[in-house]
Each structure stands twice: as C-alpha cells, then as structure tokens.
C-alpha cells in the first residue's frame, strides 16, 4: 500500500515549526523537543531541506533554521519531493522506471489519476495553511476543501 515515509512526515512537522517561527528562526533543539524527533535524525532531514534551498541555517548563539521563502510560498509537495521524490503510486508512473505495457494496461489510468490527485492535494497545501488551521475541525474542513479542488 502507498505509504509516506517517516522521513517525509517528520520533514513536514519540522517545516511546520520553522514556518511558525518565520521570519525569525528556530533551533534544532526546539524542533526536536516540540515534535519529539531525534536530533540526529532531524539534523539529517534538515540538511536535505537546506541543500534543496527550502531553509537556511546559521550556527552559534542565536543560530537555527529559517525558511528561505514565506510560508505562503512553500507547499507540502515542495517539501516531500525533496525527501520522497515524485508521487509514484505504481512503478509504471515513475519516470525513471516506466513500463512498456502502459498503453494496454487496464489499471494504468487509475494509477495515473490517483497520483494526480495526491500531487494536486500536496501542491494545494502551503505551510501557511498548516499554521492557520489550529483546531481539528478547521483542519478537517480545510482538507475537505483541498480534496474537492482536486477532483
């Protein structure tokens, strides 16, 4: 079954903390403590996000992590693509793998549509949306509105 990796889920949680502190920064220790993520594992994730130029880091007293762009300009897709790659619910969807039987495959249109819907949803949720939706009911209504955009 399609499943987001721990690394991807933790990246979203870390970016949420960094976005909440925008335009100021937040330290590795603060993110780790608030999100209950190992500092070593978190540092690996943040390094990948830094290399992808989604965040920048500074060392020393007052150092930490800050977004390179406002939270309104960073989508969940931007973050997950760095750690997970493109949305591929089946190997035939993966541009690196492909499949010679796509034209004859009865299931390919389903896999393609499913990948398109997932990608659409991830591209329609910005870090700023996560910050604004503070209670469970707001988050559920927002998720429903994003789902409707993608069908």
N, C-alpha and C. Protein backbone atom coordinates (compact mmCIF):
# COMPACT_ATOMS: atom_id res chain seq x y z
N UNK A 1 0.84 -1.18 0.00
CA UNK A 1 0.00 0.00 0.00
C UNK A 1 0.88 1.24 0.00
N UNK A 2 0.42 2.29 -0.61
CA UNK A 2 1.13 3.57 -0.65
C UNK A 2 1.28 4.09 0.77
N UNK A 3 2.51 4.47 1.14
CA UNK A 3 2.74 4.93 2.49
C UNK A 3 3.86 5.97 2.48
N UNK A 4 3.61 7.09 3.12
CA UNK A 4 4.59 8.14 3.26
C UNK A 4 5.63 7.68 4.28
N UNK A 5 6.90 7.94 4.01
CA UNK A 5 7.94 7.52 4.92
C UNK A 5 7.97 8.38 6.18
N UNK A 6 8.61 7.86 7.20
CA UNK A 6 8.80 8.62 8.44
C UNK A 6 9.56 9.90 8.14
N UNK A 7 10.56 9.82 7.28
CA UNK A 7 11.36 10.98 6.93
C UNK A 7 10.48 12.09 6.34
N UNK A 8 9.57 11.73 5.47
CA UNK A 8 8.66 12.71 4.87
C UNK A 8 7.73 13.33 5.91
N UNK A 9 7.17 12.50 6.76
CA UNK A 9 6.25 13.01 7.80
C UNK A 9 6.99 13.93 8.77
N UNK A 10 8.18 13.54 9.18
CA UNK A 10 8.98 14.37 10.08
C UNK A 10 9.39 15.68 9.42
N UNK A 11 9.66 15.65 8.13
CA UNK A 11 10.04 16.87 7.41
C UNK A 11 8.90 17.89 7.45
N UNK A 12 7.68 17.42 7.26
CA UNK A 12 6.53 18.32 7.32
C UNK A 12 6.40 18.91 8.72
N UNK A 13 6.55 18.08 9.74
CA UNK A 13 6.45 18.56 11.12
C UNK A 13 7.54 19.56 11.45
N UNK A 14 8.76 19.32 10.97
CA UNK A 14 9.87 20.24 11.20
C UNK A 14 9.64 21.56 10.47
N UNK A 15 9.20 21.48 9.23
CA UNK A 15 8.94 22.70 8.46
C UNK A 15 7.79 23.49 9.07
N UNK A 16 6.85 22.82 9.66
CA UNK A 16 5.76 23.50 10.37
C UNK A 16 6.34 24.36 11.50
N UNK A 17 7.24 23.80 12.28
CA UNK A 17 7.87 24.54 13.38
C UNK A 17 8.68 25.73 12.85
N UNK A 18 9.40 25.53 11.77
CA UNK A 18 10.20 26.60 11.19
C UNK A 18 9.29 27.69 10.64
N UNK A 19 8.18 27.28 10.02
CA UNK A 19 7.22 28.24 9.47
C UNK A 19 6.56 29.05 10.58
N UNK A 20 6.23 28.41 11.69
CA UNK A 20 5.61 29.13 12.81
C UNK A 20 6.53 30.23 13.33
N UNK A 21 7.83 30.03 13.25
CA UNK A 21 8.80 30.99 13.76
C UNK A 21 9.19 32.04 12.72
N UNK A 22 8.70 31.90 11.49
CA UNK A 22 9.07 32.80 10.40
C UNK A 22 8.62 34.23 10.70
N UNK A 23 9.42 35.24 10.46
CA UNK A 23 10.71 35.25 9.78
C UNK A 23 11.90 35.03 10.71
N UNK A 24 11.62 34.83 11.97
CA UNK A 24 12.69 34.50 12.91
C UNK A 24 13.11 33.06 12.64
N UNK A 25 14.00 32.56 13.41
CA UNK A 25 14.44 31.18 13.26
C UNK A 25 14.06 30.34 14.46
N UNK A 26 14.36 29.07 14.36
CA UNK A 26 14.09 28.13 15.43
C UNK A 26 15.27 27.16 15.47
N UNK A 27 15.63 26.70 16.64
CA UNK A 27 16.80 25.82 16.77
C UNK A 27 16.43 24.35 16.57
N UNK A 28 17.43 23.56 16.31
CA UNK A 28 17.27 22.11 16.19
C UNK A 28 16.69 21.55 17.48
N UNK A 29 17.20 22.03 18.62
CA UNK A 29 16.72 21.55 19.91
C UNK A 29 15.23 21.84 20.10
N UNK A 30 14.80 23.04 19.71
CA UNK A 30 13.39 23.41 19.86
C UNK A 30 12.49 22.54 18.99
N UNK A 31 12.89 22.33 17.75
CA UNK A 31 12.09 21.48 16.85
C UNK A 31 12.03 20.07 17.40
N UNK A 32 13.18 19.55 17.79
CA UNK A 32 13.27 18.19 18.32
C UNK A 32 12.37 18.00 19.53
N UNK A 33 12.42 18.96 20.44
CA UNK A 33 11.63 18.86 21.67
C UNK A 33 10.13 18.96 21.38
N UNK A 34 9.74 19.93 20.56
CA UNK A 34 8.31 20.14 20.28
C UNK A 34 7.69 19.00 19.49
N UNK A 35 8.46 18.44 18.57
CA UNK A 35 7.92 17.41 17.69
C UNK A 35 8.34 15.99 18.09
N UNK A 36 9.16 15.89 19.14
CA UNK A 36 9.60 14.58 19.64
C UNK A 36 10.29 13.75 18.54
N UNK A 37 11.25 14.40 17.89
CA UNK A 37 12.05 13.76 16.82
C UNK A 37 13.50 13.76 17.28
N UNK A 38 14.17 12.63 17.11
CA UNK A 38 15.58 12.51 17.45
C UNK A 38 16.38 13.61 16.77
N UNK A 39 17.29 14.24 17.53
CA UNK A 39 18.11 15.33 16.98
C UNK A 39 18.97 14.86 15.81
N UNK A 40 19.51 13.67 15.91
CA UNK A 40 20.37 13.14 14.85
C UNK A 40 19.57 12.94 13.57
N UNK A 41 18.41 12.32 13.68
CA UNK A 41 17.56 12.08 12.52
C UNK A 41 17.04 13.41 11.95
N UNK A 42 16.64 14.31 12.83
CA UNK A 42 16.14 15.62 12.43
C UNK A 42 17.23 16.40 11.69
N UNK A 43 18.46 16.35 12.16
CA UNK A 43 19.57 17.06 11.51
C UNK A 43 19.76 16.56 10.08
N UNK A 44 19.61 15.25 9.86
CA UNK A 44 19.73 14.68 8.50
C UNK A 44 18.62 15.24 7.60
N UNK A 45 17.42 15.28 8.11
CA UNK A 45 16.27 15.78 7.33
C UNK A 45 16.46 17.26 7.01
N UNK A 46 16.84 18.05 8.01
CA UNK A 46 17.02 19.48 7.82
C UNK A 46 18.17 19.77 6.85
N UNK A 47 19.19 18.93 6.87
CA UNK A 47 20.29 19.10 5.93
C UNK A 47 19.81 18.93 4.49
N UNK A 48 18.96 17.94 4.25
CA UNK A 48 18.39 17.74 2.90
C UNK A 48 17.54 18.92 2.48
N UNK A 49 16.75 19.45 3.40
CA UNK A 49 15.91 20.61 3.10
C UNK A 49 16.75 21.86 2.86
N UNK A 50 17.87 21.95 3.57
CA UNK A 50 18.80 23.07 3.36
C UNK A 50 19.46 22.96 1.99
N UNK A 51 19.90 21.77 1.63
CA UNK A 51 20.51 21.55 0.32
C UNK A 51 19.53 21.86 -0.81
N UNK A 52 18.25 21.62 -0.57
CA UNK A 52 17.21 21.91 -1.56
C UNK A 52 16.82 23.39 -1.55
N UNK A 53 17.45 24.17 -0.67
CA UNK A 53 17.24 25.62 -0.58
C UNK A 53 15.84 26.01 -0.12
N UNK A 54 15.22 25.15 0.69
CA UNK A 54 13.93 25.50 1.30
C UNK A 54 14.15 26.24 2.61
N UNK A 55 15.27 25.93 3.27
CA UNK A 55 15.61 26.59 4.54
C UNK A 55 17.08 26.99 4.49
N UNK A 56 17.45 27.85 5.43
CA UNK A 56 18.87 28.15 5.62
C UNK A 56 19.18 27.99 7.10
N UNK A 57 20.42 27.75 7.38
CA UNK A 57 20.81 27.53 8.77
C UNK A 57 21.93 28.49 9.14
N UNK A 58 22.02 28.78 10.43
CA UNK A 58 23.13 29.57 10.94
C UNK A 58 23.59 28.91 12.23
N UNK A 59 24.88 29.01 12.47
CA UNK A 59 25.46 28.38 13.66
C UNK A 59 25.68 29.38 14.77
N UNK A 60 26.01 28.85 15.92
CA UNK A 60 26.38 29.70 17.04
C UNK A 60 25.19 30.20 17.82
N UNK A 61 25.48 31.08 18.80
CA UNK A 61 24.40 31.64 19.62
C UNK A 61 23.41 32.39 18.74
N UNK A 62 22.15 32.12 18.95
CA UNK A 62 21.12 32.75 18.12
C UNK A 62 20.96 32.09 16.77
N UNK A 63 21.68 31.00 16.55
CA UNK A 63 21.58 30.28 15.28
C UNK A 63 20.37 29.38 15.24
N UNK A 64 20.12 28.84 14.10
CA UNK A 64 19.00 27.93 13.93
C UNK A 64 18.60 27.83 12.48
N UNK A 65 17.33 27.56 12.24
CA UNK A 65 16.81 27.36 10.89
C UNK A 65 15.72 28.36 10.60
N UNK A 66 15.70 28.84 9.37
CA UNK A 66 14.68 29.79 8.93
C UNK A 66 14.30 29.45 7.49
N UNK A 67 13.04 29.70 7.13
CA UNK A 67 12.59 29.47 5.76
C UNK A 67 13.27 30.47 4.82
N UNK A 68 13.55 30.03 3.60
CA UNK A 68 14.11 30.92 2.59
C UNK A 68 13.03 31.75 1.91
N UNK A 69 11.78 31.26 1.96
CA UNK A 69 10.64 31.97 1.37
C UNK A 69 9.54 32.02 2.42
N UNK A 70 8.59 32.92 2.26
CA UNK A 70 7.47 32.97 3.21
C UNK A 70 6.68 31.65 3.20
N UNK A 71 6.03 31.32 4.32
CA UNK A 71 5.24 30.07 4.41
C UNK A 71 4.15 29.96 3.34
N UNK A 72 3.69 31.10 2.82
CA UNK A 72 2.66 31.10 1.77
C UNK A 72 3.20 30.60 0.44
N UNK A 73 4.52 30.50 0.32
CA UNK A 73 5.13 30.12 -0.95
C UNK A 73 5.73 28.71 -0.95
N UNK A 74 5.56 27.98 0.14
CA UNK A 74 6.12 26.62 0.23
C UNK A 74 4.98 25.63 0.43
N UNK A 75 4.87 24.67 -0.49
CA UNK A 75 3.82 23.66 -0.42
C UNK A 75 4.34 22.37 0.21
N UNK A 76 3.40 21.53 0.61
CA UNK A 76 3.79 20.21 1.11
C UNK A 76 4.51 19.43 0.01
N UNK A 77 4.08 19.64 -1.24
CA UNK A 77 4.74 18.96 -2.36
C UNK A 77 6.22 19.37 -2.44
N UNK A 78 6.51 20.66 -2.27
CA UNK A 78 7.90 21.15 -2.32
C UNK A 78 8.77 20.40 -1.32
N UNK A 79 8.22 20.19 -0.15
CA UNK A 79 8.97 19.54 0.94
C UNK A 79 9.12 18.05 0.66
N UNK A 80 8.01 17.39 0.36
CA UNK A 80 8.05 15.93 0.19
C UNK A 80 8.82 15.50 -1.04
N UNK A 81 8.80 16.31 -2.08
CA UNK A 81 9.54 15.93 -3.29
C UNK A 81 11.03 15.81 -2.99
N UNK A 82 11.54 16.65 -2.09
CA UNK A 82 12.96 16.61 -1.71
C UNK A 82 13.31 15.26 -1.07
N UNK A 83 12.43 14.77 -0.21
CA UNK A 83 12.72 13.56 0.56
C UNK A 83 12.16 12.28 -0.04
N UNK A 84 11.05 12.38 -0.76
CA UNK A 84 10.37 11.20 -1.27
C UNK A 84 10.48 11.04 -2.79
N UNK A 85 10.79 12.13 -3.49
CA UNK A 85 10.78 12.10 -4.95
C UNK A 85 9.38 12.36 -5.46
N UNK A 86 9.16 12.18 -6.76
CA UNK A 86 7.83 12.44 -7.33
C UNK A 86 6.80 11.44 -6.81
N UNK A 87 5.53 11.82 -6.92
CA UNK A 87 4.43 10.95 -6.48
C UNK A 87 4.34 9.78 -7.45
N UNK A 88 4.58 8.59 -6.94
CA UNK A 88 4.52 7.37 -7.76
C UNK A 88 3.80 6.29 -6.96
N UNK A 89 2.54 6.08 -7.27
CA UNK A 89 1.78 5.06 -6.56
C UNK A 89 2.01 3.68 -7.16
N UNK A 90 2.60 3.64 -8.35
CA UNK A 90 2.94 2.37 -9.01
C UNK A 90 4.20 2.61 -9.84
N UNK A 91 4.99 1.58 -10.03
CA UNK A 91 6.25 1.75 -10.76
C UNK A 91 6.04 2.27 -12.18
N UNK A 92 4.90 1.98 -12.79
CA UNK A 92 4.65 2.44 -14.16
C UNK A 92 4.49 3.96 -14.23
N UNK A 93 4.21 4.60 -13.11
CA UNK A 93 4.05 6.06 -13.06
C UNK A 93 5.42 6.72 -12.94
N UNK A 94 6.38 6.02 -12.37
CA UNK A 94 7.72 6.56 -12.12
C UNK A 94 8.45 6.78 -13.44
N UNK A 95 8.82 8.05 -13.72
CA UNK A 95 9.52 8.33 -14.98
C UNK A 95 10.84 7.56 -15.11
N UNK A 96 11.47 7.25 -13.97
CA UNK A 96 12.74 6.53 -14.01
C UNK A 96 12.54 5.05 -14.35
N UNK A 97 11.39 4.50 -14.01
CA UNK A 97 11.13 3.08 -14.26
C UNK A 97 10.30 2.87 -15.52
N UNK A 98 9.14 3.53 -15.55
CA UNK A 98 8.26 3.38 -16.70
C UNK A 98 7.77 1.96 -16.89
N UNK A 99 7.05 1.76 -17.98
CA UNK A 99 6.51 0.44 -18.29
C UNK A 99 6.18 0.38 -19.77
N UNK A 100 6.51 -0.73 -20.40
CA UNK A 100 6.24 -0.89 -21.82
C UNK A 100 4.78 -1.22 -22.11
N UNK A 101 4.02 -1.59 -21.09
CA UNK A 101 2.65 -2.05 -21.27
C UNK A 101 1.60 -0.99 -20.92
N UNK A 102 2.02 0.26 -20.72
CA UNK A 102 1.11 1.32 -20.29
C UNK A 102 -0.10 1.45 -21.21
N UNK A 103 0.11 1.39 -22.51
CA UNK A 103 -0.99 1.57 -23.46
C UNK A 103 -2.06 0.49 -23.33
N UNK A 104 -1.65 -0.73 -22.97
CA UNK A 104 -2.60 -1.84 -22.88
C UNK A 104 -3.08 -2.11 -21.45
N UNK A 105 -2.47 -1.47 -20.48
CA UNK A 105 -2.76 -1.76 -19.07
C UNK A 105 -4.13 -1.23 -18.67
N UNK A 106 -4.96 -2.10 -18.13
CA UNK A 106 -6.31 -1.70 -17.71
C UNK A 106 -6.28 -0.83 -16.45
N UNK A 107 -5.26 -0.99 -15.62
CA UNK A 107 -5.19 -0.26 -14.35
C UNK A 107 -4.41 1.05 -14.45
N UNK A 108 -3.61 1.24 -15.49
CA UNK A 108 -2.76 2.43 -15.58
C UNK A 108 -3.54 3.74 -15.42
N UNK A 109 -4.70 3.93 -16.07
CA UNK A 109 -5.42 5.20 -15.89
C UNK A 109 -5.82 5.46 -14.42
N UNK A 110 -6.10 4.39 -13.69
CA UNK A 110 -6.44 4.53 -12.27
C UNK A 110 -5.22 5.00 -11.49
N UNK A 111 -4.07 4.34 -11.72
CA UNK A 111 -2.83 4.71 -11.01
C UNK A 111 -2.44 6.15 -11.34
N UNK A 112 -2.56 6.53 -12.61
CA UNK A 112 -2.21 7.89 -13.04
C UNK A 112 -3.12 8.92 -12.35
N UNK A 113 -4.43 8.66 -12.33
CA UNK A 113 -5.39 9.59 -11.70
C UNK A 113 -5.13 9.70 -10.20
N UNK A 114 -4.87 8.57 -9.56
CA UNK A 114 -4.57 8.58 -8.13
C UNK A 114 -3.33 9.42 -7.85
N UNK A 115 -2.28 9.24 -8.63
CA UNK A 115 -1.05 10.03 -8.46
C UNK A 115 -1.34 11.51 -8.69
N UNK A 116 -2.16 11.83 -9.70
CA UNK A 116 -2.50 13.22 -9.99
C UNK A 116 -3.25 13.87 -8.83
N UNK A 117 -4.17 13.12 -8.22
CA UNK A 117 -4.96 13.65 -7.10
C UNK A 117 -4.06 13.89 -5.89
N UNK A 118 -3.18 12.95 -5.60
CA UNK A 118 -2.26 13.13 -4.47
C UNK A 118 -1.36 14.33 -4.71
N UNK A 119 -0.81 14.43 -5.91
CA UNK A 119 0.06 15.56 -6.24
C UNK A 119 -0.71 16.88 -6.14
N UNK A 120 -1.92 16.91 -6.63
CA UNK A 120 -2.75 18.11 -6.57
C UNK A 120 -2.97 18.53 -5.11
N UNK A 121 -3.31 17.60 -4.27
CA UNK A 121 -3.55 17.92 -2.87
C UNK A 121 -2.29 18.49 -2.22
N UNK A 122 -1.16 17.84 -2.45
CA UNK A 122 0.09 18.30 -1.84
C UNK A 122 0.50 19.68 -2.35
N UNK A 123 0.20 19.97 -3.61
CA UNK A 123 0.53 21.28 -4.18
C UNK A 123 -0.43 22.37 -3.74
N UNK A 124 -1.59 21.99 -3.21
CA UNK A 124 -2.59 22.96 -2.77
C UNK A 124 -2.57 23.22 -1.27
N UNK A 125 -1.62 22.65 -0.57
CA UNK A 125 -1.48 22.91 0.86
C UNK A 125 -0.13 23.57 1.10
N UNK A 126 -0.20 24.77 1.64
CA UNK A 126 1.01 25.55 1.93
C UNK A 126 1.29 25.50 3.42
N UNK A 127 2.53 25.76 3.78
CA UNK A 127 2.88 25.80 5.20
C UNK A 127 2.00 26.80 5.95
N UNK A 128 1.69 27.91 5.29
CA UNK A 128 0.84 28.91 5.94
C UNK A 128 -0.55 28.34 6.27
N UNK A 129 -1.04 27.41 5.46
CA UNK A 129 -2.33 26.77 5.75
C UNK A 129 -2.26 25.95 7.03
N UNK A 130 -1.14 25.26 7.23
CA UNK A 130 -0.98 24.45 8.44
C UNK A 130 -0.95 25.33 9.69
N UNK A 131 -0.33 26.49 9.56
CA UNK A 131 -0.22 27.40 10.70
C UNK A 131 -1.59 27.99 11.06
N UNK A 132 -2.37 28.34 10.04
CA UNK A 132 -3.67 28.99 10.25
C UNK A 132 -4.71 28.05 10.83
N UNK A 133 -4.66 26.78 10.48
CA UNK A 133 -5.69 25.83 10.91
C UNK A 133 -5.27 25.23 12.25
N UNK A 134 -5.75 25.86 13.31
CA UNK A 134 -5.26 25.48 14.63
C UNK A 134 -6.05 24.38 15.33
N UNK A 135 -7.33 24.26 15.05
CA UNK A 135 -8.06 23.18 15.73
C UNK A 135 -8.46 22.09 14.74
N UNK A 136 -8.84 20.96 15.29
CA UNK A 136 -9.12 19.76 14.48
C UNK A 136 -10.22 20.02 13.45
N UNK A 137 -11.27 20.70 13.86
CA UNK A 137 -12.40 20.95 12.95
C UNK A 137 -11.96 21.82 11.76
N UNK A 138 -11.17 22.85 12.03
CA UNK A 138 -10.66 23.70 10.94
C UNK A 138 -9.79 22.88 9.98
N UNK A 139 -8.93 22.03 10.53
CA UNK A 139 -8.05 21.20 9.69
C UNK A 139 -8.85 20.24 8.82
N UNK A 140 -9.90 19.66 9.39
CA UNK A 140 -10.73 18.72 8.62
C UNK A 140 -11.49 19.43 7.50
N UNK A 141 -12.04 20.61 7.78
CA UNK A 141 -12.74 21.38 6.75
C UNK A 141 -11.78 21.80 5.64
N UNK A 142 -10.59 22.20 6.03
CA UNK A 142 -9.60 22.60 5.04
C UNK A 142 -9.21 21.41 4.15
N UNK A 143 -8.99 20.25 4.77
CA UNK A 143 -8.63 19.05 3.99
C UNK A 143 -9.74 18.71 3.00
N UNK A 144 -10.99 18.86 3.42
CA UNK A 144 -12.13 18.60 2.53
C UNK A 144 -12.13 19.58 1.36
N UNK A 145 -11.85 20.85 1.62
CA UNK A 145 -11.85 21.85 0.53
C UNK A 145 -10.73 21.57 -0.47
N UNK A 146 -9.57 21.14 0.02
CA UNK A 146 -8.46 20.80 -0.88
C UNK A 146 -8.82 19.57 -1.71
N UNK A 147 -9.45 18.59 -1.08
CA UNK A 147 -9.86 17.38 -1.80
C UNK A 147 -10.81 17.73 -2.95
N UNK A 148 -11.75 18.61 -2.70
CA UNK A 148 -12.72 18.99 -3.72
C UNK A 148 -12.05 19.69 -4.90
N UNK A 149 -11.00 20.45 -4.65
CA UNK A 149 -10.26 21.13 -5.73
C UNK A 149 -9.62 20.13 -6.70
N UNK A 150 -9.30 18.96 -6.19
CA UNK A 150 -8.50 18.00 -6.96
C UNK A 150 -9.33 16.96 -7.71
N UNK A 151 -10.64 16.98 -7.55
CA UNK A 151 -11.47 16.00 -8.26
C UNK A 151 -12.11 16.61 -9.47
